[in-house]
N, C-alpha and C. Protein backbone atom coordinates (compact mmCIF):
# COMPACT_ATOMS: atom_id res chain seq x y z
N MET A 1 0.85 -1.17 0.00
CA MET A 1 0.00 0.00 0.00
C MET A 1 0.89 1.23 0.00
N THR A 2 0.60 2.16 -0.85
CA THR A 2 1.40 3.38 -0.96
C THR A 2 0.76 4.51 -0.16
N ARG A 3 1.50 5.60 -0.05
CA ARG A 3 0.99 6.77 0.65
C ARG A 3 -0.28 7.28 -0.06
N ALA A 4 -0.28 7.26 -1.39
CA ALA A 4 -1.46 7.70 -2.14
C ALA A 4 -2.67 6.79 -1.86
N ASP A 5 -2.42 5.48 -1.71
CA ASP A 5 -3.50 4.56 -1.36
C ASP A 5 -4.08 4.89 0.01
N ILE A 6 -3.21 5.23 0.94
CA ILE A 6 -3.67 5.59 2.29
C ILE A 6 -4.53 6.85 2.21
N VAL A 7 -4.08 7.84 1.46
CA VAL A 7 -4.85 9.08 1.30
C VAL A 7 -6.21 8.78 0.68
N ASN A 8 -6.25 7.94 -0.34
CA ASN A 8 -7.53 7.60 -0.98
C ASN A 8 -8.47 6.87 -0.03
N GLU A 9 -7.95 5.93 0.75
CA GLU A 9 -8.79 5.19 1.70
C GLU A 9 -9.37 6.12 2.76
N ILE A 10 -8.54 7.02 3.29
CA ILE A 10 -9.04 7.97 4.29
C ILE A 10 -10.07 8.90 3.66
N HIS A 11 -9.82 9.33 2.43
CA HIS A 11 -10.76 10.21 1.72
C HIS A 11 -12.13 9.54 1.60
N LYS A 12 -12.14 8.23 1.27
CA LYS A 12 -13.40 7.50 1.14
C LYS A 12 -14.14 7.42 2.47
N LYS A 13 -13.39 7.20 3.57
CA LYS A 13 -14.02 6.99 4.87
C LYS A 13 -14.41 8.30 5.56
N VAL A 14 -13.58 9.34 5.43
CA VAL A 14 -13.80 10.57 6.20
C VAL A 14 -14.47 11.66 5.37
N GLY A 15 -14.06 11.77 4.12
CA GLY A 15 -14.69 12.75 3.26
C GLY A 15 -14.00 14.10 3.19
N PHE A 16 -12.86 14.27 3.88
CA PHE A 16 -12.10 15.51 3.73
C PHE A 16 -11.50 15.55 2.34
N SER A 17 -11.00 16.72 1.95
CA SER A 17 -10.36 16.81 0.64
C SER A 17 -9.05 16.02 0.67
N LYS A 18 -8.66 15.54 -0.50
CA LYS A 18 -7.42 14.76 -0.60
C LYS A 18 -6.22 15.60 -0.22
N ARG A 19 -6.25 16.89 -0.51
CA ARG A 19 -5.14 17.78 -0.17
C ARG A 19 -4.97 17.86 1.36
N GLU A 20 -6.09 18.01 2.08
CA GLU A 20 -6.04 18.06 3.55
C GLU A 20 -5.53 16.73 4.12
N ILE A 21 -6.04 15.64 3.57
CA ILE A 21 -5.64 14.32 4.06
C ILE A 21 -4.16 14.08 3.78
N LYS A 22 -3.68 14.47 2.62
CA LYS A 22 -2.27 14.30 2.28
C LYS A 22 -1.40 15.06 3.26
N THR A 23 -1.82 16.27 3.64
CA THR A 23 -1.06 17.06 4.61
C THR A 23 -1.02 16.36 5.96
N ILE A 24 -2.15 15.79 6.38
CA ILE A 24 -2.22 15.08 7.66
C ILE A 24 -1.34 13.84 7.63
N VAL A 25 -1.46 13.04 6.57
CA VAL A 25 -0.67 11.81 6.45
C VAL A 25 0.82 12.13 6.42
N ASP A 26 1.21 13.15 5.66
CA ASP A 26 2.62 13.55 5.61
C ASP A 26 3.10 14.00 6.98
N SER A 27 2.26 14.71 7.72
CA SER A 27 2.63 15.16 9.07
C SER A 27 2.84 13.97 10.01
N ILE A 28 1.96 12.99 9.91
CA ILE A 28 2.08 11.80 10.76
C ILE A 28 3.39 11.08 10.46
N PHE A 29 3.69 10.89 9.16
CA PHE A 29 4.94 10.21 8.80
C PHE A 29 6.17 11.02 9.21
N ASP A 30 6.09 12.34 9.13
CA ASP A 30 7.21 13.18 9.58
C ASP A 30 7.44 13.04 11.08
N ILE A 31 6.36 13.01 11.84
CA ILE A 31 6.47 12.84 13.29
C ILE A 31 7.10 11.48 13.61
N ILE A 32 6.66 10.44 12.93
CA ILE A 32 7.22 9.10 13.15
C ILE A 32 8.70 9.09 12.81
N LYS A 33 9.06 9.68 11.67
CA LYS A 33 10.45 9.71 11.24
C LYS A 33 11.32 10.46 12.24
N GLN A 34 10.87 11.63 12.70
CA GLN A 34 11.64 12.42 13.66
C GLN A 34 11.80 11.68 14.99
N THR A 35 10.75 11.01 15.41
CA THR A 35 10.81 10.25 16.67
C THR A 35 11.82 9.12 16.56
N LEU A 36 11.82 8.41 15.44
CA LEU A 36 12.76 7.31 15.26
C LEU A 36 14.19 7.81 15.11
N GLN A 37 14.39 8.98 14.51
CA GLN A 37 15.73 9.54 14.40
C GLN A 37 16.31 9.88 15.77
N ARG A 38 15.44 10.21 16.72
CA ARG A 38 15.90 10.47 18.10
C ARG A 38 16.09 9.16 18.86
N GLU A 39 15.88 8.05 18.18
CA GLU A 39 15.97 6.71 18.77
C GLU A 39 14.93 6.47 19.85
N ASP A 40 13.80 7.13 19.75
CA ASP A 40 12.71 6.88 20.67
C ASP A 40 11.88 5.71 20.15
N LYS A 41 11.15 5.12 21.05
CA LYS A 41 10.27 4.00 20.70
C LYS A 41 8.89 4.57 20.39
N ILE A 42 8.25 4.06 19.36
CA ILE A 42 6.89 4.48 19.02
C ILE A 42 5.95 3.34 19.39
N VAL A 43 4.99 3.64 20.25
CA VAL A 43 4.03 2.64 20.71
C VAL A 43 2.63 3.09 20.28
N ILE A 44 2.01 2.31 19.43
CA ILE A 44 0.62 2.53 19.04
C ILE A 44 -0.14 1.34 19.61
N SER A 45 -0.86 1.57 20.70
CA SER A 45 -1.35 0.47 21.54
C SER A 45 -2.13 -0.60 20.80
N TRP A 46 -2.95 -0.30 19.85
CA TRP A 46 -3.74 -1.32 19.16
C TRP A 46 -3.06 -1.84 17.91
N PHE A 47 -1.92 -1.24 17.55
CA PHE A 47 -1.25 -1.58 16.30
C PHE A 47 0.07 -2.29 16.50
N GLY A 48 0.99 -1.67 17.25
CA GLY A 48 2.29 -2.29 17.50
C GLY A 48 3.34 -1.28 17.89
N ASN A 49 4.59 -1.76 17.98
CA ASN A 49 5.72 -0.93 18.41
C ASN A 49 6.77 -0.85 17.31
N PHE A 50 7.28 0.35 17.09
CA PHE A 50 8.43 0.57 16.22
C PHE A 50 9.60 0.87 17.13
N ILE A 51 10.68 0.11 16.99
CA ILE A 51 11.83 0.25 17.89
C ILE A 51 13.11 0.30 17.07
N ILE A 52 14.01 1.22 17.44
CA ILE A 52 15.34 1.26 16.83
C ILE A 52 16.25 0.40 17.69
N ARG A 53 16.91 -0.56 17.05
CA ARG A 53 17.87 -1.43 17.76
C ARG A 53 19.26 -1.14 17.26
N ASN A 54 20.20 -1.07 18.18
CA ASN A 54 21.61 -0.90 17.83
C ASN A 54 22.26 -2.27 17.81
N LYS A 55 22.79 -2.66 16.66
CA LYS A 55 23.44 -3.96 16.53
C LYS A 55 24.95 -3.76 16.64
N LYS A 56 25.58 -4.65 17.35
CA LYS A 56 27.03 -4.60 17.55
C LYS A 56 27.75 -5.11 16.30
N PRO A 57 29.00 -4.72 16.13
CA PRO A 57 29.76 -5.31 15.01
C PRO A 57 29.93 -6.81 15.23
N ARG A 58 30.01 -7.57 14.14
CA ARG A 58 30.15 -9.02 14.27
C ARG A 58 30.93 -9.57 13.08
N GLN A 59 31.38 -10.77 13.24
CA GLN A 59 32.11 -11.45 12.16
C GLN A 59 31.11 -12.03 11.17
N GLY A 60 31.45 -11.91 9.89
CA GLY A 60 30.61 -12.46 8.84
C GLY A 60 31.49 -13.09 7.78
N ARG A 61 30.88 -13.51 6.71
CA ARG A 61 31.63 -14.16 5.63
C ARG A 61 31.04 -13.73 4.30
N ASN A 62 31.92 -13.41 3.34
CA ASN A 62 31.50 -13.10 1.99
C ASN A 62 31.05 -14.41 1.34
N PRO A 63 29.77 -14.53 0.94
CA PRO A 63 29.29 -15.80 0.41
C PRO A 63 29.93 -16.19 -0.92
N GLN A 64 30.42 -15.22 -1.69
CA GLN A 64 31.01 -15.54 -2.98
C GLN A 64 32.45 -16.03 -2.84
N THR A 65 33.21 -15.39 -1.93
CA THR A 65 34.63 -15.75 -1.82
C THR A 65 34.93 -16.60 -0.59
N GLY A 66 34.02 -16.60 0.39
CA GLY A 66 34.26 -17.33 1.63
C GLY A 66 35.18 -16.58 2.58
N GLU A 67 35.56 -15.36 2.20
CA GLU A 67 36.49 -14.55 3.00
C GLU A 67 35.79 -14.02 4.26
N ASP A 68 36.47 -14.13 5.42
CA ASP A 68 35.95 -13.58 6.66
C ASP A 68 36.04 -12.06 6.61
N LEU A 69 35.02 -11.40 7.18
CA LEU A 69 35.04 -9.95 7.27
C LEU A 69 34.22 -9.51 8.46
N GLU A 70 34.40 -8.25 8.84
CA GLU A 70 33.65 -7.73 9.98
C GLU A 70 32.47 -6.93 9.45
N ILE A 71 31.30 -7.26 9.97
CA ILE A 71 30.09 -6.49 9.64
C ILE A 71 30.01 -5.38 10.68
N SER A 72 29.95 -4.15 10.21
CA SER A 72 30.02 -2.99 11.10
C SER A 72 28.76 -2.86 11.95
N ALA A 73 28.89 -2.09 13.02
CA ALA A 73 27.75 -1.78 13.87
C ALA A 73 26.74 -0.97 13.07
N ARG A 74 25.48 -1.17 13.36
CA ARG A 74 24.46 -0.44 12.63
C ARG A 74 23.18 -0.35 13.46
N ARG A 75 22.32 0.53 13.00
CA ARG A 75 21.01 0.69 13.64
C ARG A 75 19.97 0.10 12.70
N ILE A 76 19.01 -0.63 13.27
CA ILE A 76 17.93 -1.19 12.46
C ILE A 76 16.59 -0.84 13.08
N LEU A 77 15.59 -0.75 12.23
CA LEU A 77 14.23 -0.50 12.68
C LEU A 77 13.49 -1.82 12.75
N THR A 78 12.87 -2.08 13.89
CA THR A 78 12.08 -3.30 14.02
C THR A 78 10.63 -2.92 14.34
N PHE A 79 9.73 -3.79 13.95
CA PHE A 79 8.31 -3.60 14.25
C PHE A 79 7.79 -4.85 14.92
N LYS A 80 7.13 -4.65 16.05
CA LYS A 80 6.51 -5.78 16.75
C LYS A 80 5.00 -5.52 16.78
N PRO A 81 4.23 -6.34 16.07
CA PRO A 81 2.78 -6.11 16.03
C PRO A 81 2.12 -6.38 17.38
N SER A 82 1.01 -5.69 17.63
CA SER A 82 0.27 -5.89 18.87
C SER A 82 -0.41 -7.25 18.86
N LEU A 83 -0.90 -7.65 20.01
CA LEU A 83 -1.61 -8.93 20.11
C LEU A 83 -2.86 -8.93 19.24
N ILE A 84 -3.51 -7.79 19.11
CA ILE A 84 -4.71 -7.69 18.29
C ILE A 84 -4.37 -7.94 16.82
N ILE A 85 -3.32 -7.31 16.33
CA ILE A 85 -2.91 -7.49 14.93
C ILE A 85 -2.49 -8.94 14.70
N ARG A 86 -1.70 -9.49 15.65
CA ARG A 86 -1.28 -10.89 15.50
C ARG A 86 -2.48 -11.83 15.48
N ALA A 87 -3.45 -11.59 16.36
CA ALA A 87 -4.64 -12.44 16.40
C ALA A 87 -5.43 -12.34 15.10
N ASN A 88 -5.57 -11.14 14.56
CA ASN A 88 -6.28 -10.96 13.29
C ASN A 88 -5.53 -11.65 12.15
N PHE A 89 -4.21 -11.57 12.16
CA PHE A 89 -3.41 -12.20 11.11
C PHE A 89 -3.54 -13.71 11.19
N LYS A 90 -3.48 -14.27 12.39
CA LYS A 90 -3.60 -15.72 12.55
C LYS A 90 -4.99 -16.19 12.15
N THR A 91 -6.02 -15.41 12.49
CA THR A 91 -7.38 -15.76 12.13
C THR A 91 -7.54 -15.79 10.62
N SER A 92 -6.98 -14.79 9.93
CA SER A 92 -7.11 -14.78 8.47
C SER A 92 -6.33 -15.93 7.85
N GLN A 93 -5.21 -16.32 8.44
CA GLN A 93 -4.46 -17.47 7.93
C GLN A 93 -5.24 -18.75 8.14
N LYS A 94 -5.87 -18.90 9.32
CA LYS A 94 -6.65 -20.10 9.59
C LYS A 94 -7.83 -20.18 8.63
N THR A 95 -8.48 -19.06 8.41
CA THR A 95 -9.62 -19.04 7.51
C THR A 95 -9.21 -19.50 6.12
N THR A 96 -8.08 -19.00 5.64
CA THR A 96 -7.59 -19.41 4.32
C THR A 96 -7.26 -20.89 4.32
N ALA A 97 -6.61 -21.39 5.36
CA ALA A 97 -6.25 -22.81 5.45
C ALA A 97 -7.51 -23.67 5.52
N GLN A 98 -8.49 -23.23 6.31
CA GLN A 98 -9.74 -23.99 6.41
C GLN A 98 -10.46 -24.04 5.08
N THR A 99 -10.46 -22.92 4.36
CA THR A 99 -11.11 -22.87 3.06
C THR A 99 -10.44 -23.84 2.10
N LYS A 100 -9.10 -23.89 2.12
CA LYS A 100 -8.37 -24.82 1.26
C LYS A 100 -8.72 -26.26 1.61
N ASP A 101 -8.76 -26.58 2.93
CA ASP A 101 -9.11 -27.94 3.35
C ASP A 101 -10.52 -28.30 2.90
N GLU A 102 -11.44 -27.35 3.06
CA GLU A 102 -12.82 -27.63 2.67
C GLU A 102 -12.93 -27.84 1.17
N SER A 103 -12.20 -27.05 0.39
CA SER A 103 -12.28 -27.22 -1.06
C SER A 103 -11.64 -28.53 -1.49
N LYS A 104 -10.57 -28.97 -0.79
CA LYS A 104 -9.98 -30.27 -1.09
C LYS A 104 -10.96 -31.39 -0.80
N LYS A 105 -11.69 -31.28 0.32
CA LYS A 105 -12.69 -32.29 0.67
C LYS A 105 -13.80 -32.31 -0.37
N GLN A 106 -14.20 -31.12 -0.83
CA GLN A 106 -15.26 -31.04 -1.83
C GLN A 106 -14.81 -31.67 -3.14
N ILE A 107 -13.57 -31.42 -3.54
CA ILE A 107 -13.05 -32.00 -4.78
C ILE A 107 -13.01 -33.52 -4.65
N LYS A 108 -12.54 -34.01 -3.49
CA LYS A 108 -12.48 -35.46 -3.26
C LYS A 108 -13.89 -36.06 -3.32
N PHE A 109 -14.85 -35.41 -2.68
CA PHE A 109 -16.23 -35.88 -2.68
C PHE A 109 -16.78 -35.91 -4.10
N THR A 110 -16.49 -34.86 -4.88
CA THR A 110 -16.98 -34.79 -6.26
C THR A 110 -16.39 -35.92 -7.09
N ARG A 111 -15.09 -36.19 -6.93
CA ARG A 111 -14.46 -37.26 -7.69
C ARG A 111 -15.08 -38.61 -7.34
N LEU A 112 -15.31 -38.83 -6.03
CA LEU A 112 -15.90 -40.09 -5.61
C LEU A 112 -17.33 -40.22 -6.12
N SER A 113 -18.09 -39.15 -6.08
CA SER A 113 -19.49 -39.22 -6.54
C SER A 113 -19.56 -39.46 -8.04
N LEU A 114 -18.57 -38.95 -8.79
CA LEU A 114 -18.55 -39.20 -10.22
C LEU A 114 -18.27 -40.65 -10.53
N LYS A 115 -17.50 -41.31 -9.61
CA LYS A 115 -17.21 -42.73 -9.80
C LYS A 115 -18.33 -43.61 -9.27
N GLY A 116 -19.34 -43.00 -8.63
CA GLY A 116 -20.45 -43.77 -8.07
C GLY A 116 -20.18 -44.26 -6.66
N GLN A 117 -19.16 -43.75 -6.03
CA GLN A 117 -18.81 -44.16 -4.66
C GLN A 117 -19.03 -42.98 -3.74
N ILE A 118 -20.24 -42.71 -3.37
CA ILE A 118 -20.54 -41.56 -2.53
C ILE A 118 -20.37 -41.96 -1.07
N PRO A 119 -19.40 -41.35 -0.36
CA PRO A 119 -19.18 -41.68 1.04
C PRO A 119 -20.21 -41.01 1.94
N LYS A 120 -20.33 -41.53 3.16
CA LYS A 120 -21.21 -40.88 4.15
C LYS A 120 -20.53 -39.57 4.56
N GLN A 121 -21.34 -38.51 4.68
CA GLN A 121 -20.78 -37.23 5.12
C GLN A 121 -21.07 -37.03 6.57
N ASP A 122 -20.07 -36.46 7.25
CA ASP A 122 -20.24 -36.14 8.68
C ASP A 122 -21.01 -34.84 8.80
N GLY A 123 -21.79 -34.74 9.85
CA GLY A 123 -22.43 -33.47 10.17
C GLY A 123 -23.67 -33.30 9.50
């Protein structure tokens, strides 16, 4: 999803002008960026946490040459989703998996019924 997509979705739901919404969205992203540059943690209680982690230098290996080298210290941005987001994600995955299982059962049942071997159905 792009910034323009976000602006369009908010425009559909709220009804403000796209110019106003773009200004608001840009302001929100600027605030997030400035907060992360100060190495502060961003906590959005129903959504998740954005955290800057400082990684120490470590030994690594060039995969092409096999040569040992030192990977320098660096800062990385991590995101940890809230329990609500994780639960919604797991639910949508289960729903997709259940749908696949059900369609496989339906295909198997259809094949058997075409051969004249209709099994007893549960439920």
